[in-house]
C-alpha atoms as a PDB file:
ATOM      1  CA  MET A   1      33.684   4.448  28.185  1.00  0.00           C
ATOM      2  CA  ALA A   2      33.865   5.851  24.648  1.00  0.00           C
ATOM      3  CA  VAL A   3      31.532   5.127  21.791  1.00  0.00           C
ATOM      4  CA  ASP A   4      33.817   3.567  19.199  1.00  0.00           C
ATOM      5  CA  ARG A   5      31.743   0.880  17.490  1.00  0.00           C
ATOM      6  CA  GLY A   6      28.746   1.027  15.214  1.00  0.00           C
ATOM      7  CA  LEU A   7      26.580  -0.782  12.743  1.00  0.00           C
ATOM      8  CA  LEU A   8      25.493   0.601   9.405  1.00  0.00           C
ATOM      9  CA  ALA A   9      22.604  -1.194   7.739  1.00  0.00           C
ATOM     10  CA  THR A  10      20.987  -0.339   4.426  1.00  0.00           C
ATOM     11  CA  LEU A  11      17.593  -1.736   3.513  1.00  0.00           C
ATOM     12  CA  LYS A  12      16.021  -1.806   0.059  1.00  0.00           C
ATOM     13  CA  ALA A  13      12.220  -1.778   0.112  1.00  0.00           C
ATOM     14  CA  LYS A  14      10.132  -3.552  -2.465  1.00  0.00           C
ATOM     15  CA  PRO A  15       8.463  -1.128  -4.898  1.00  0.00           C
ATOM     16  CA  GLY A  16       5.556   0.597  -3.198  1.00  0.00           C
ATOM     17  CA  ARG A  17       6.553  -0.663   0.279  1.00  0.00           C
ATOM     18  CA  GLY A  18       8.823   2.201   1.378  1.00  0.00           C
ATOM     19  CA  ASP A  19       6.261   3.811   3.662  1.00  0.00           C
ATOM     20  CA  GLU A  20       5.677   0.485   5.412  1.00  0.00           C
ATOM     21  CA  LEU A  21       9.423   0.002   5.877  1.00  0.00           C
ATOM     22  CA  ALA A  22       9.680   3.505   7.313  1.00  0.00           C
ATOM     23  CA  ALA A  23       6.861   2.738   9.763  1.00  0.00           C
ATOM     24  CA  PHE A  24       8.614  -0.484  10.784  1.00  0.00           C
ATOM     25  CA  LEU A  25      11.828   1.444  11.454  1.00  0.00           C
ATOM     26  CA  GLU A  26       9.932   4.040  13.489  1.00  0.00           C
ATOM     27  CA  GLN A  27       8.579   1.239  15.698  1.00  0.00           C
ATOM     28  CA  GLY A  28      12.126  -0.070  16.192  1.00  0.00           C
ATOM     29  CA  ARG A  29      13.151   3.053  18.083  1.00  0.00           C
ATOM     30  CA  ALA A  30      11.753   1.783  21.382  1.00  0.00           C
ATOM     31  CA  LEU A  31      13.536  -1.562  21.031  1.00  0.00           C
ATOM     32  CA  ALA A  32      16.822   0.095  20.103  1.00  0.00           C
ATOM     33  CA  ALA A  33      16.793   2.376  23.135  1.00  0.00           C
ATOM     34  CA  ALA A  34      17.585  -0.539  25.423  1.00  0.00           C
ATOM     35  CA  GLU A  35      20.352  -1.979  23.213  1.00  0.00           C
ATOM     36  CA  THR A  36      22.294   0.976  21.778  1.00  0.00           C
ATOM     37  CA  VAL A  37      23.954   4.240  22.779  1.00  0.00           C
ATOM     38  CA  THR A  38      22.505   6.017  19.742  1.00  0.00           C
ATOM     39  CA  TRP A  39      20.206   4.752  17.009  1.00  0.00           C
ATOM     40  CA  TYR A  40      19.247   6.514  13.795  1.00  0.00           C
ATOM     41  CA  ALA A  41      16.813   5.355  11.146  1.00  0.00           C
ATOM     42  CA  PHE A  42      16.994   7.285   7.888  1.00  0.00           C
ATOM     43  CA  LYS A  43      15.629   7.464   4.346  1.00  0.00           C
ATOM     44  CA  ILE A  44      17.929   7.869   1.352  1.00  0.00           C
ATOM     45  CA  ASP A  45      15.254   7.676  -1.352  1.00  0.00           C
ATOM     46  CA  ASP A  46      11.813   6.119  -1.891  1.00  0.00           C
ATOM     47  CA  THR A  47      13.136   2.564  -1.653  1.00  0.00           C
ATOM     48  CA  THR A  48      16.444   2.879   0.243  1.00  0.00           C
ATOM     49  CA  TYR A  49      16.472   3.199   4.015  1.00  0.00           C
ATOM     50  CA  GLY A  50      19.087   2.724   6.654  1.00  0.00           C
ATOM     51  CA  ILE A  51      19.974   2.342  10.296  1.00  0.00           C
ATOM     52  CA  PHE A  52      23.080   3.592  12.055  1.00  0.00           C
ATOM     53  CA  ASP A  53      23.623   2.721  15.692  1.00  0.00           C
ATOM     54  CA  THR A  54      26.511   2.965  18.139  1.00  0.00           C
ATOM     55  CA  PHE A  55      27.890   0.922  21.018  1.00  0.00           C
ATOM     56  CA  GLU A  56      30.507   1.217  23.743  1.00  0.00           C
ATOM     57  CA  THR A  57      31.681  -2.410  23.596  1.00  0.00           C
ATOM     58  CA  GLU A  58      31.966  -5.221  21.095  1.00  0.00           C
ATOM     59  CA  GLU A  59      29.810  -7.338  23.393  1.00  0.00           C
ATOM     60  CA  ALA A  60      27.014  -4.762  23.168  1.00  0.00           C
ATOM     61  CA  ARG A  61      27.258  -4.678  19.381  1.00  0.00           C
ATOM     62  CA  GLN A  62      27.102  -8.467  19.155  1.00  0.00           C
ATOM     63  CA  ALA A  63      24.183  -8.593  21.599  1.00  0.00           C
ATOM     64  CA  HIS A  64      22.293  -6.106  19.424  1.00  0.00           C
ATOM     65  CA  LEU A  65      22.918  -8.222  16.318  1.00  0.00           C
ATOM     66  CA  ALA A  66      21.232 -11.091  18.159  1.00  0.00           C
ATOM     67  CA  GLY A  67      18.576  -8.859  19.741  1.00  0.00           C
ATOM     68  CA  GLN A  68      14.954  -7.988  19.116  1.00  0.00           C
ATOM     69  CA  ILE A  69      15.305  -5.750  16.059  1.00  0.00           C
ATOM     70  CA  PRO A  70      16.987  -8.345  13.797  1.00  0.00           C
ATOM     71  CA  VAL A  71      14.352 -10.880  14.866  1.00  0.00           C
ATOM     72  CA  ALA A  72      11.549  -8.426  14.055  1.00  0.00           C
ATOM     73  CA  LEU A  73      13.173  -7.543  10.732  1.00  0.00           C
ATOM     74  CA  GLY A  74      13.391 -11.212   9.853  1.00  0.00           C
ATOM     75  CA  GLN A  75       9.643 -11.506  10.361  1.00  0.00           C
ATOM     76  CA  VAL A  76       8.810  -8.753   7.841  1.00  0.00           C
ATOM     77  CA  ALA A  77      11.734  -9.039   5.423  1.00  0.00           C
ATOM     78  CA  ALA A  78       9.969 -11.256   2.879  1.00  0.00           C
ATOM     79  CA  ASP A  79       7.073  -8.797   2.631  1.00  0.00           C
ATOM     80  CA  LEU A  80       8.949  -5.479   2.733  1.00  0.00           C
ATOM     81  CA  LEU A  81      12.491  -5.978   1.443  1.00  0.00           C
ATOM     82  CA  ALA A  82      13.639  -6.371  -2.154  1.00  0.00           C
ATOM     83  CA  ALA A  83      17.005  -7.802  -1.016  1.00  0.00           C
ATOM     84  CA  ASP A  84      18.753  -8.961   2.124  1.00  0.00           C
ATOM     85  CA  PRO A  85      19.806  -6.108   4.411  1.00  0.00           C
ATOM     86  CA  ASP A  86      23.402  -4.948   4.008  1.00  0.00           C
ATOM     87  CA  ILE A  87      24.679  -4.816   7.602  1.00  0.00           C
ATOM     88  CA  ARG A  88      28.250  -3.714   8.227  1.00  0.00           C
ATOM     89  CA  PRO A  89      30.178  -3.205  11.443  1.00  0.00           C
ATOM     90  CA  VAL A  90      31.977   0.136  11.497  1.00  0.00           C
ATOM     91  CA  ASP A  91      34.546   1.772  13.743  1.00  0.00           C
ATOM     92  CA  VAL A  92      33.548   5.220  14.985  1.00  0.00           C
ATOM     93  CA  ILE A  93      36.521   7.551  14.532  1.00  0.00           C
ATOM     94  CA  ALA A  94      35.137  10.757  16.039  1.00  0.00           C
ATOM     95  CA  VAL A  95      31.967  11.830  17.800  1.00  0.00           C
ATOM     96  CA  THR A  96      30.749  15.035  19.445  1.00  0.00           C
END
């Protein structure tokens, strides 16, 4: 099966909370391993972070959206995030 679906999420940390958001994302790696084909957490600047993950089926993508990481994010969002996460489904066009 081909990887042709993804999610792109951007997260805006509250001022001074970027390091804590980065640590939270680092902890998410173990949870993501069971739910995704690939999972990347990245930093754009001191307050902007993101996640990009891929899936082989729409069912897997939907299961991830209802999985452990969104629940965990919901528990820390009020403390760490300056705004709601921007989560977008994407179609993967090419991969190597």
